[in-house]
Structures are given as structure tokens and as C-alpha cells.
Amino acid sequence: EKIVRLTEYSPEYVAEVAERLRASRLWSGEALDYGD
């Protein structure tokens, strides 16, 4: 919700990207696990 508000991207697009990032555990709970 915060990313949608901040970026002004559609909720559907952000949800699609978020789902992929969560499925790979790059996003979990309140944490990020990106590479350096």
C-alpha cells in the first residue's frame, strides 16, 4: 500500500511484483533480503 502511494503505480502491478519477491523470500514480513 505504501509503495503504491509513493510510486503511483497500480495496486495490481505492485502486488504482482511483490508476490514474486515474496515467493523468493526477497521480501518477508518487514524485511528485505536483496543481494548487495
Full PDB file with SEQRES, HELIX, SHEET, SSBOND, CRYST1, ORIGX, SCALE, CONECT and MASTER records, all heavy atoms in Angstrom:
SEQRES   1 A   36  GLU LYS ILE VAL ARG LEU THR GLU TYR SER PRO GLU TYR          
SEQRES   2 A   36  VAL ALA GLU VAL ALA GLU ARG LEU ARG ALA SER ARG LEU          
SEQRES   3 A   36  TRP SER GLY GLU ALA LEU ASP TYR GLY ASP                      
HELIX    1 AA1 LYS A    2  THR A    7  1                                   6    
HELIX    2 AA2 PRO A   11  ALA A   23  1                                  13    
SHEET    1 AA1 2 TRP A  27  SER A  28  0                                        
SHEET    2 AA1 2 ALA A  31  LEU A  32 -1                                        
CRYST1    1.000    1.000    1.000  90.00  90.00  90.00 P 1           1          
ORIGX1      1.000000  0.000000  0.000000        0.00000                         
ORIGX2      0.000000  1.000000  0.000000        0.00000                         
ORIGX3      0.000000  0.000000  1.000000        0.00000                         
SCALE1      1.000000  0.000000  0.000000        0.00000                         
SCALE2      0.000000  1.000000  0.000000        0.00000                         
SCALE3      0.000000  0.000000  1.000000        0.00000                         
ATOM      1  N   GLU A   1       0.834  -1.209   0.000  1.00  0.00           N  
ATOM      2  CA  GLU A   1       0.000   0.000   0.000  1.00  0.00           C  
ATOM      3  C   GLU A   1       0.868   1.258   0.000  1.00  0.00           C  
ATOM      4  O   GLU A   1       0.585   2.226  -0.701  1.00  0.00           O  
ATOM      5  CB  GLU A   1      -0.937   0.037   1.213  1.00  0.00           C  
ATOM      6  CG  GLU A   1      -1.743  -1.227   1.443  1.00  0.00           C  
ATOM      7  CD  GLU A   1      -0.941  -2.338   2.136  1.00  0.00           C  
ATOM      8  OE1 GLU A   1      -0.036  -2.072   2.950  1.00  0.00           O  
ATOM      9  OE2 GLU A   1      -1.223  -3.514   1.836  1.00  0.00           O  
ATOM     10  N   LYS A   2       1.923   1.255   0.795  1.00  0.00           N  
ATOM     11  CA  LYS A   2       2.828   2.404   0.862  1.00  0.00           C  
ATOM     12  C   LYS A   2       3.574   2.579  -0.456  1.00  0.00           C  
ATOM     13  O   LYS A   2       3.796   3.698  -0.911  1.00  0.00           O  
ATOM     14  CB  LYS A   2       3.815   2.242   2.015  1.00  0.00           C  
ATOM     15  CG  LYS A   2       3.178   2.357   3.377  1.00  0.00           C  
ATOM     16  CD  LYS A   2       4.208   2.167   4.483  1.00  0.00           C  
ATOM     17  CE  LYS A   2       3.565   2.258   5.857  1.00  0.00           C  
ATOM     18  NZ  LYS A   2       4.546   2.015   6.932  1.00  0.00           N  
ATOM     19  N   ILE A   3       3.970   1.481  -1.059  1.00  0.00           N  
ATOM     20  CA  ILE A   3       4.686   1.546  -2.337  1.00  0.00           C  
ATOM     21  C   ILE A   3       3.765   2.069  -3.432  1.00  0.00           C  
ATOM     22  O   ILE A   3       4.172   2.889  -4.251  1.00  0.00           O  
ATOM     23  CB  ILE A   3       5.303   0.176  -2.689  1.00  0.00           C  
ATOM     24  CG1 ILE A   3       6.414  -0.156  -1.676  1.00  0.00           C  
ATOM     25  CG2 ILE A   3       5.828   0.160  -4.117  1.00  0.00           C  
ATOM     26  CD1 ILE A   3       6.950  -1.559  -1.769  1.00  0.00           C  
ATOM     27  N   VAL A   4       2.522   1.640  -3.431  1.00  0.00           N  
ATOM     28  CA  VAL A   4       1.540   2.140  -4.404  1.00  0.00           C  
ATOM     29  C   VAL A   4       1.376   3.645  -4.252  1.00  0.00           C  
ATOM     30  O   VAL A   4       1.423   4.396  -5.229  1.00  0.00           O  
ATOM     31  CB  VAL A   4       0.179   1.426  -4.243  1.00  0.00           C  
ATOM     32  CG1 VAL A   4      -0.926   2.158  -4.991  1.00  0.00           C  
ATOM     33  CG2 VAL A   4       0.272  -0.024  -4.708  1.00  0.00           C  
ATOM     34  N   ARG A   5       1.218   4.104  -3.023  1.00  0.00           N  
ATOM     35  CA  ARG A   5       1.025   5.538  -2.769  1.00  0.00           C  
ATOM     36  C   ARG A   5       2.259   6.324  -3.198  1.00  0.00           C  
ATOM     37  O   ARG A   5       2.160   7.358  -3.852  1.00  0.00           O  
ATOM     38  CB  ARG A   5       0.729   5.797  -1.293  1.00  0.00           C  
ATOM     39  CG  ARG A   5       0.478   7.273  -0.978  1.00  0.00           C  
ATOM     40  CD  ARG A   5       0.160   7.526   0.484  1.00  0.00           C  
ATOM     41  NE  ARG A   5       1.141   7.008   1.419  1.00  0.00           N  
ATOM     42  CZ  ARG A   5       2.297   7.620   1.718  1.00  0.00           C  
ATOM     43  NH1 ARG A   5       2.624   8.745   1.139  1.00  0.00           N  
ATOM     44  NH2 ARG A   5       3.124   7.078   2.591  1.00  0.00           N  
ATOM     45  N   LEU A   6       3.414   5.814  -2.860  1.00  0.00           N  
ATOM     46  CA  LEU A   6       4.662   6.514  -3.133  1.00  0.00           C  
ATOM     47  C   LEU A   6       5.008   6.537  -4.622  1.00  0.00           C  
ATOM     48  O   LEU A   6       5.401   7.563  -5.168  1.00  0.00           O  
ATOM     49  CB  LEU A   6       5.795   5.874  -2.333  1.00  0.00           C  
ATOM     50  CG  LEU A   6       7.156   6.531  -2.398  1.00  0.00           C  
ATOM     51  CD1 LEU A   6       7.091   7.975  -1.912  1.00  0.00           C  
ATOM     52  CD2 LEU A   6       8.147   5.747  -1.558  1.00  0.00           C  
ATOM     53  N   THR A   7       4.848   5.409  -5.295  1.00  0.00           N  
ATOM     54  CA  THR A   7       5.248   5.307  -6.700  1.00  0.00           C  
ATOM     55  C   THR A   7       4.148   5.734  -7.666  1.00  0.00           C  
ATOM     56  O   THR A   7       4.428   6.038  -8.815  1.00  0.00           O  
ATOM     57  CB  THR A   7       5.638   3.858  -7.055  1.00  0.00           C  
ATOM     58  OG1 THR A   7       4.496   3.013  -6.901  1.00  0.00           O  
ATOM     59  CG2 THR A   7       6.798   3.380  -6.210  1.00  0.00           C  
ATOM     60  N   GLU A   8       2.912   5.685  -7.191  1.00  0.00           N  
ATOM     61  CA  GLU A   8       1.727   5.941  -8.024  1.00  0.00           C  
ATOM     62  C   GLU A   8       1.550   4.867  -9.100  1.00  0.00           C  
ATOM     63  O   GLU A   8       0.910   5.088 -10.108  1.00  0.00           O  
ATOM     64  CB  GLU A   8       1.757   7.349  -8.624  1.00  0.00           C  
ATOM     65  CG  GLU A   8       1.757   8.428  -7.555  1.00  0.00           C  
ATOM     66  CD  GLU A   8       1.791   9.848  -8.105  1.00  0.00           C  
ATOM     67  OE1 GLU A   8       2.140  10.052  -9.292  1.00  0.00           O  
ATOM     68  OE2 GLU A   8       1.477  10.760  -7.319  1.00  0.00           O  
ATOM     69  N   TYR A   9       2.124   3.684  -8.870  1.00  0.00           N  
ATOM     70  CA  TYR A   9       1.890   2.542  -9.750  1.00  0.00           C  
ATOM     71  C   TYR A   9       0.574   1.895  -9.337  1.00  0.00           C  
ATOM     72  O   TYR A   9       0.111   2.053  -8.211  1.00  0.00           O  
ATOM     73  CB  TYR A   9       3.012   1.517  -9.639  1.00  0.00           C  
ATOM     74  CG  TYR A   9       4.340   1.956 -10.209  1.00  0.00           C  
ATOM     75  CD1 TYR A   9       5.496   1.257  -9.908  1.00  0.00           C  
ATOM     76  CD2 TYR A   9       4.471   3.052 -11.059  1.00  0.00           C  
ATOM     77  CE1 TYR A   9       6.730   1.624 -10.428  1.00  0.00           C  
ATOM     78  CE2 TYR A   9       5.699   3.428 -11.579  1.00  0.00           C  
ATOM     79  CZ  TYR A   9       6.817   2.712 -11.263  1.00  0.00           C  
ATOM     80  OH  TYR A   9       8.032   3.077 -11.775  1.00  0.00           O  
ATOM     81  N   SER A  10       0.010   1.103 -10.227  1.00  0.00           N  
ATOM     82  CA  SER A  10      -1.266   0.455  -9.919  1.00  0.00           C  
ATOM     83  C   SER A  10      -1.077  -0.584  -8.810  1.00  0.00           C  
ATOM     84  O   SER A  10      -0.018  -1.228  -8.730  1.00  0.00           O  
ATOM     85  CB  SER A  10      -1.841  -0.234 -11.155  1.00  0.00           C  
ATOM     86  OG  SER A  10      -1.112  -1.412 -11.450  1.00  0.00           O  
ATOM     87  N   PRO A  11      -2.101  -0.751  -7.983  1.00  0.00           N  
ATOM     88  CA  PRO A  11      -2.012  -1.787  -6.940  1.00  0.00           C  
ATOM     89  C   PRO A  11      -1.782  -3.173  -7.529  1.00  0.00           C  
ATOM     90  O   PRO A  11      -1.080  -3.991  -6.944  1.00  0.00           O  
ATOM     91  CB  PRO A  11      -3.370  -1.714  -6.237  1.00  0.00           C  
ATOM     92  CG  PRO A  11      -3.883  -0.345  -6.522  1.00  0.00           C  
ATOM     93  CD  PRO A  11      -3.328   0.029  -7.877  1.00  0.00           C  
ATOM     94  N   GLU A  12      -2.335  -3.426  -8.711  1.00  0.00           N  
ATOM     95  CA  GLU A  12      -2.174  -4.730  -9.347  1.00  0.00           C  
ATOM     96  C   GLU A  12      -0.716  -4.980  -9.735  1.00  0.00           C  
ATOM     97  O   GLU A  12      -0.195  -6.083  -9.536  1.00  0.00           O  
ATOM     98  CB  GLU A  12      -3.075  -4.845 -10.587  1.00  0.00           C  
ATOM     99  CG  GLU A  12      -4.555  -4.789 -10.284  1.00  0.00           C  
ATOM    100  CD  GLU A  12      -5.100  -3.367 -10.061  1.00  0.00           C  
ATOM    101  OE1 GLU A  12      -4.411  -2.377 -10.406  1.00  0.00           O  
ATOM    102  OE2 GLU A  12      -6.215  -3.265  -9.517  1.00  0.00           O  
ATOM    103  N   TYR A  13      -0.073  -3.958 -10.288  1.00  0.00           N  
ATOM    104  CA  TYR A  13       1.319  -4.119 -10.694  1.00  0.00           C  
ATOM    105  C   TYR A  13       2.217  -4.348  -9.476  1.00  0.00           C  
ATOM    106  O   TYR A  13       3.032  -5.273  -9.463  1.00  0.00           O  
ATOM    107  CB  TYR A  13       1.825  -2.907 -11.487  1.00  0.00           C  
ATOM    108  CG  TYR A  13       3.283  -3.058 -11.845  1.00  0.00           C  
ATOM    109  CD1 TYR A  13       3.675  -3.924 -12.867  1.00  0.00           C  
ATOM    110  CD2 TYR A  13       4.274  -2.401 -11.131  1.00  0.00           C  
ATOM    111  CE1 TYR A  13       5.012  -4.107 -13.175  1.00  0.00           C  
ATOM    112  CE2 TYR A  13       5.616  -2.585 -11.435  1.00  0.00           C  
ATOM    113  CZ  TYR A  13       5.975  -3.438 -12.455  1.00  0.00           C  
ATOM    114  OH  TYR A  13       7.304  -3.642 -12.746  1.00  0.00           O  
ATOM    115  N   VAL A  14       2.048  -3.531  -8.455  1.00  0.00           N  
ATOM    116  CA  VAL A  14       2.873  -3.674  -7.248  1.00  0.00           C  
ATOM    117  C   VAL A  14       2.620  -5.033  -6.608  1.00  0.00           C  
ATOM    118  O   VAL A  14       3.566  -5.701  -6.174  1.00  0.00           O  
ATOM    119  CB  VAL A  14       2.615  -2.513  -6.265  1.00  0.00           C  
ATOM    120  CG1 VAL A  14       3.330  -2.748  -4.946  1.00  0.00           C  
ATOM    121  CG2 VAL A  14       3.063  -1.185  -6.883  1.00  0.00           C  
ATOM    122  N   ALA A  15       1.369  -5.484  -6.576  1.00  0.00           N  
ATOM    123  CA  ALA A  15       1.048  -6.794  -5.992  1.00  0.00           C  
ATOM    124  C   ALA A  15       1.717  -7.926  -6.776  1.00  0.00           C  
ATOM    125  O   ALA A  15       2.202  -8.894  -6.190  1.00  0.00           O  
ATOM    126  CB  ALA A  15      -0.462  -7.003  -5.947  1.00  0.00           C  
ATOM    127  N   GLU A  16       1.752  -7.800  -8.096  1.00  0.00           N  
ATOM    128  CA  GLU A  16       2.386  -8.823  -8.945  1.00  0.00           C  
ATOM    129  C   GLU A  16       3.883  -8.917  -8.647  1.00  0.00           C  
ATOM    130  O   GLU A  16       4.427 -10.013  -8.465  1.00  0.00           O  
ATOM    131  CB  GLU A  16       2.156  -8.453 -10.408  1.00  0.00           C  
ATOM    132  CG  GLU A  16       2.701  -9.428 -11.407  1.00  0.00           C  
ATOM    133  CD  GLU A  16       2.412  -8.970 -12.830  1.00  0.00           C  
ATOM    134  OE1 GLU A  16       1.278  -8.548 -13.111  1.00  0.00           O  
ATOM    135  OE2 GLU A  16       3.344  -9.028 -13.651  1.00  0.00           O  
ATOM    136  N   VAL A  17       4.560  -7.781  -8.593  1.00  0.00           N  
ATOM    137  CA  VAL A  17       5.991  -7.769  -8.294  1.00  0.00           C  
ATOM    138  C   VAL A  17       6.223  -8.260  -6.867  1.00  0.00           C  
ATOM    139  O   VAL A  17       7.118  -9.076  -6.616  1.00  0.00           O  
ATOM    140  CB  VAL A  17       6.587  -6.361  -8.509  1.00  0.00           C  
ATOM    141  CG1 VAL A  17       8.030  -6.292  -8.023  1.00  0.00           C  
ATOM    142  CG2 VAL A  17       6.502  -5.966  -9.980  1.00  0.00           C  
ATOM    143  N   ALA A  18       5.408  -7.798  -5.927  1.00  0.00           N  
ATOM    144  CA  ALA A  18       5.538  -8.201  -4.523  1.00  0.00           C  
ATOM    145  C   ALA A  18       5.380  -9.709  -4.360  1.00  0.00           C  
ATOM    146  O   ALA A  18       6.132 -10.336  -3.605  1.00  0.00           O  
ATOM    147  CB  ALA A  18       4.512  -7.466  -3.666  1.00  0.00           C  
ATOM    148  N   GLU A  19       4.438 -10.286  -5.073  1.00  0.00           N  
ATOM    149  CA  GLU A  19       4.224 -11.738  -4.991  1.00  0.00           C  
ATOM    150  C   GLU A  19       5.482 -12.495  -5.421  1.00  0.00           C  
ATOM    151  O   GLU A  19       5.888 -13.468  -4.774  1.00  0.00           O  
ATOM    152  CB  GLU A  19       3.038 -12.139  -5.874  1.00  0.00           C  
ATOM    153  CG  GLU A  19       2.738 -13.625  -5.850  1.00  0.00           C  
ATOM    154  CD  GLU A  19       1.559 -13.986  -6.735  1.00  0.00           C  
ATOM    155  OE1 GLU A  19       0.750 -13.111  -7.080  1.00  0.00           O  
ATOM    156  OE2 GLU A  19       1.462 -15.179  -7.084  1.00  0.00           O  
ATOM    157  N   ARG A  20       6.111 -12.040  -6.480  1.00  0.00           N  
ATOM    158  CA  ARG A  20       7.341 -12.691  -6.958  1.00  0.00           C  
ATOM    159  C   ARG A  20       8.475 -12.549  -5.944  1.00  0.00           C  
ATOM    160  O   ARG A  20       9.212 -13.507  -5.682  1.00  0.00           O  
ATOM    161  CB  ARG A  20       7.768 -12.073  -8.285  1.00  0.00           C  
ATOM    162  CG  ARG A  20       6.804 -12.337  -9.413  1.00  0.00           C  
ATOM    163  CD  ARG A  20       7.197 -11.541 -10.632  1.00  0.00           C  
ATOM    164  NE  ARG A  20       6.237 -11.709 -11.701  1.00  0.00           N  
ATOM    165  CZ  ARG A  20       6.014 -10.798 -12.624  1.00  0.00           C  
ATOM    166  NH1 ARG A  20       6.695  -9.666 -12.636  1.00  0.00           N  
ATOM    167  NH2 ARG A  20       5.122 -11.016 -13.562  1.00  0.00           N  
ATOM    168  N   LEU A  21       8.609 -11.347  -5.382  1.00  0.00           N  
ATOM    169  CA  LEU A  21       9.676 -11.109  -4.411  1.00  0.00           C  
ATOM    170  C   LEU A  21       9.446 -11.907  -3.136  1.00  0.00           C  
ATOM    171  O   LEU A  21      10.393 -12.415  -2.534  1.00  0.00           O  
ATOM    172  CB  LEU A  21       9.786  -9.612  -4.120  1.00  0.00           C  
ATOM    173  CG  LEU A  21      10.240  -8.757  -5.318  1.00  0.00           C  
ATOM    174  CD1 LEU A  21      10.079  -7.275  -5.008  1.00  0.00           C  
ATOM    175  CD2 LEU A  21      11.664  -9.078  -5.713  1.00  0.00           C  
ATOM    176  N   ARG A  22       8.190 -12.037  -2.724  1.00  0.00           N  
ATOM    177  CA  ARG A  22       7.886 -12.848  -1.531  1.00  0.00           C  
ATOM    178  C   ARG A  22       8.088 -14.338  -1.788  1.00  0.00           C  
ATOM    179  O   ARG A  22       8.581 -15.057  -0.922  1.00  0.00           O  
ATOM    180  CB  ARG A  22       6.459 -12.571  -1.059  1.00  0.00           C  
ATOM    181  CG  ARG A  22       6.323 -11.245  -0.374  1.00  0.00           C  
ATOM    182  CD  ARG A  22       4.972 -11.086   0.330  1.00  0.00           C  
ATOM    183  NE  ARG A  22       4.925  -9.806   0.988  1.00  0.00           N  
ATOM    184  CZ  ARG A  22       4.345  -8.717   0.474  1.00  0.00           C  
ATOM    185  NH1 ARG A  22       3.714  -8.777  -0.688  1.00  0.00           N  
ATOM    186  NH2 ARG A  22       4.363  -7.579   1.135  1.00  0.00           N  
ATOM    187  N   ALA A  23       7.712 -14.796  -2.968  1.00  0.00           N  
ATOM    188  CA  ALA A  23       7.876 -16.220  -3.301  1.00  0.00           C  
ATOM    189  C   ALA A  23       9.345 -16.629  -3.239  1.00  0.00           C  
ATOM    190  O   ALA A  23       9.655 -17.779  -2.901  1.00  0.00           O  
ATOM    191  CB  ALA A  23       7.295 -16.512  -4.678  1.00  0.00           C  
ATOM    192  N   SER A  24      10.240 -15.696  -3.540  1.00  0.00           N  
ATOM    193  CA  SER A  24      11.677 -15.975  -3.492  1.00  0.00           C  
ATOM    194  C   SER A  24      12.308 -15.517  -2.183  1.00  0.00           C  
ATOM    195  O   SER A  24      13.533 -15.547  -2.050  1.00  0.00           O  
ATOM    196  CB  SER A  24      12.384 -15.297  -4.672  1.00  0.00           C  
ATOM    197  OG  SER A  24      12.063 -15.962  -5.871  1.00  0.00           O  
ATOM    198  N   ARG A  25      11.482 -15.080  -1.260  1.00  0.00           N  
ATOM    199  CA  ARG A  25      11.915 -14.626   0.067  1.00  0.00           C  
ATOM    200  C   ARG A  25      12.840 -13.409   0.021  1.00  0.00           C  
ATOM    201  O   ARG A  25      13.638 -13.194   0.912  1.00  0.00           O  
ATOM    202  CB  ARG A  25      12.547 -15.769   0.873  1.00  0.00           C  
ATOM    203  CG  ARG A  25      11.572 -16.889   1.198  1.00  0.00           C  
ATOM    204  CD  ARG A  25      12.246 -18.196   1.498  1.00  0.00           C  
ATOM    205  NE  ARG A  25      13.531 -18.445   0.880  1.00  0.00           N  
ATOM    206  CZ  ARG A  25      13.728 -18.788  -0.409  1.00  0.00           C  
ATOM    207  NH1 ARG A  25      12.710 -18.959  -1.203  1.00  0.00           N  
ATOM    208  NH2 ARG A  25      14.940 -18.996  -0.871  1.00  0.00           N  
ATOM    209  N   LEU A  26      12.743 -12.616  -1.041  1.00  0.00           N  
ATOM    210  CA  LEU A  26      13.466 -11.346  -1.068  1.00  0.00           C  
ATOM    211  C   LEU A  26      12.721 -10.323  -0.203  1.00  0.00           C  
ATOM    212  O   LEU A  26      13.317  -9.380   0.291  1.00  0.00           O  
ATOM    213  CB  LEU A  26      13.622 -10.828  -2.494  1.00  0.00           C  
ATOM    214  CG  LEU A  26      14.493 -11.693  -3.402  1.00  0.00           C  
ATOM    215  CD1 LEU A  26      14.497 -11.160  -4.817  1.00  0.00           C  
ATOM    216  CD2 LEU A  26      15.903 -11.800  -2.868  1.00  0.00           C  
ATOM    217  N   TRP A  27      11.406 -10.531  -0.055  1.00  0.00           N  
ATOM    218  CA  TRP A  27      10.580  -9.776   0.881  1.00  0.00           C  
ATOM    219  C   TRP A  27       9.954 -10.790   1.830  1.00  0.00           C  
ATOM    220  O   TRP A  27       9.409 -11.799   1.401  1.00  0.00           O  
ATOM    221  CB  TRP A  27       9.440  -9.063   0.181  1.00  0.00           C  
ATOM    222  CG  TRP A  27       9.780  -7.852  -0.616  1.00  0.00           C  
ATOM    223  CD1 TRP A  27      11.016  -7.375  -0.940  1.00  0.00           C  
ATOM    224  CD2 TRP A  27       8.842  -6.963  -1.213  1.00  0.00           C  
ATOM    225  NE1 TRP A  27      10.902  -6.253  -1.701  1.00  0.00           N  
ATOM    226  CE2 TRP A  27       9.580  -5.970  -1.884  1.00  0.00           C  
ATOM    227  CE3 TRP A  27       7.455  -6.910  -1.252  1.00  0.00           C  
ATOM    228  CZ2 TRP A  27       8.960  -4.928  -2.581  1.00  0.00           C  
ATOM    229  CZ3 TRP A  27       6.849  -5.890  -1.943  1.00  0.00           C  
ATOM    230  CH2 TRP A  27       7.591  -4.902  -2.592  1.00  0.00           C  
ATOM    231  N   SER A  28      10.052 -10.510   3.118  1.00  0.00           N  
ATOM    232  CA  SER A  28       9.369 -11.354   4.099  1.00  0.00           C  
ATOM    233  C   SER A  28       9.040 -10.501   5.311  1.00  0.00           C  
ATOM    234  O   SER A  28       9.922  -9.811   5.832  1.00  0.00           O  
ATOM    235  CB  SER A  28      10.233 -12.550   4.504  1.00  0.00           C  
ATOM    236  OG  SER A  28      11.443 -12.124   5.059  1.00  0.00           O  
ATOM    237  N   GLY A  29       7.782 -10.525   5.724  1.00  0.00           N  
ATOM    238  CA  GLY A  29       7.375  -9.686   6.846  1.00  0.00           C  
ATOM    239  C   GLY A  29       7.734  -8.244   6.579  1.00  0.00           C  
ATOM    240  O   GLY A  29       7.290  -7.652   5.606  1.00  0.00           O  
ATOM    241  N   GLU A  30       8.575  -7.692   7.414  1.00  0.00           N  
ATOM    242  CA  GLU A  30       9.037  -6.308   7.248  1.00  0.00           C  
ATOM    243  C   GLU A  30      10.481  -6.233   6.745  1.00  0.00           C  
ATOM    244  O   GLU A  30      11.080  -5.166   6.730  1.00  0.00           O  
ATOM    245  CB  GLU A  30       8.921  -5.554   8.585  1.00  0.00           C  
ATOM    246  CG  GLU A  30       7.495  -5.391   9.076  1.00  0.00           C  
ATOM    247  CD  GLU A  30       6.635  -4.584   8.103  1.00  0.00           C  
ATOM    248  OE1 GLU A  30       7.106  -3.541   7.613  1.00  0.00           O  
ATOM    249  OE2 GLU A  30       5.507  -5.024   7.824  1.00  0.00           O  
ATOM    250  N   ALA A  31      11.034  -7.373   6.345  1.00  0.00           N  
ATOM    251  CA  ALA A  31      12.456  -7.429   5.983  1.00  0.00           C  
ATOM    252  C   ALA A  31      12.664  -7.577   4.475  1.00  0.00           C  
ATOM    253  O   ALA A  31      11.824  -8.128   3.764  1.00  0.00           O  
ATOM    254  CB  ALA A  31      13.115  -8.600   6.702  1.00  0.00           C  
ATOM    255  N   LEU A  32      13.812  -7.088   4.030  1.00  0.00           N  
ATOM    256  CA  LEU A  32      14.259  -7.248   2.647  1.00  0.00           C  
ATOM    257  C   LEU A  32      15.513  -8.109   2.663  1.00  0.00           C  
ATOM    258  O   LEU A  32      16.334  -8.004   3.568  1.00  0.00           O  
ATOM    259  CB  LEU A  32      14.613  -5.889   2.032  1.00  0.00           C  
ATOM    260  CG  LEU A  32      13.557  -4.803   2.069  1.00  0.00           C  
ATOM    261  CD1 LEU A  32      14.120  -3.502   1.508  1.00  0.00           C  
ATOM    262  CD2 LEU A  32      12.315  -5.222   1.304  1.00  0.00           C  
ATOM    263  N   ASP A  33      15.662  -8.962   1.652  1.00  0.00           N  
ATOM    264  CA  ASP A  33      16.850  -9.803   1.564  1.00  0.00           C  
ATOM    265  C   ASP A  33      17.428  -9.733   0.154  1.00  0.00           C  
ATOM    266  O   ASP A  33      17.623 -10.744  -0.510  1.00  0.00           O  
ATOM    267  CB  ASP A  33      16.508 -11.246   1.950  1.00  0.00           C  
ATOM    268  CG  ASP A  33      17.754 -12.117   2.088  1.00  0.00           C  
ATOM    269  OD1 ASP A  33      18.835 -11.558   2.354  1.00  0.00           O  
ATOM    270  OD2 ASP A  33      17.632 -13.333   1.916  1.00  0.00           O  
ATOM    271  N   TYR A  34      17.684  -8.501  -0.316  1.00  0.00           N  
ATOM    272  CA  TYR A  34      18.309  -8.325  -1.616  1.00  0.00           C  
ATOM    273  C   TYR A  34      19.788  -8.641  -1.483  1.00  0.00           C  
ATOM    274  O   TYR A  34      20.365  -8.546  -0.408  1.00  0.00           O  
ATOM    275  CB  TYR A  34      18.201  -6.876  -2.094  1.00  0.00           C  
ATOM    276  CG  TYR A  34      16.803  -6.310  -2.241  1.00  0.00           C  
ATOM    277  CD1 TYR A  34      16.580  -4.961  -1.998  1.00  0.00           C  
ATOM    278  CD2 TYR A  34      15.726  -7.078  -2.657  1.00  0.00           C  
ATOM    279  CE1 TYR A  34      15.322  -4.404  -2.152  1.00  0.00           C  
ATOM    280  CE2 TYR A  34      14.470  -6.527  -2.802  1.00  0.00           C  
ATOM    281  CZ  TYR A  34      14.261  -5.191  -2.557  1.00  0.00           C  
ATOM    282  OH  TYR A  34      13.025  -4.640  -2.708  1.00  0.00           O  
ATOM    283  N   GLY A  35      20.407  -8.942  -2.609  1.00  0.00           N  
ATOM    284  CA  GLY A  35      21.855  -9.056  -2.626  1.00  0.00           C  
ATOM    285  C   GLY A  35      22.463  -7.672  -2.460  1.00  0.00           C  
ATOM    286  O   GLY A  35      21.768  -6.661  -2.476  1.00  0.00           O  
ATOM    287  N   ASP A  36      23.767  -7.613  -2.307  1.00  0.00           N  
ATOM    288  CA  ASP A  36      24.491  -6.344  -2.227  1.00  0.00           C  
ATOM    289  C   ASP A  36      24.569  -5.763  -3.636  1.00  0.00           C  
ATOM    290  O   ASP A  36      25.212  -6.337  -4.502  1.00  0.00           O  
ATOM    291  CB  ASP A  36      25.893  -6.589  -1.659  1.00  0.00           C  
ATOM    292  CG  ASP A  36      26.776  -5.363  -1.701  1.00  0.00           C  
ATOM    293  OD1 ASP A  36      26.257  -4.241  -1.851  1.00  0.00           O  
ATOM    294  OD2 ASP A  36      28.001  -5.529  -1.581  1.00  0.00           O  
TER     295      ASP A  36                                                      
MASTER        0    0    0    2    2    0    0    6  294    1    0    3          
END                                                                             
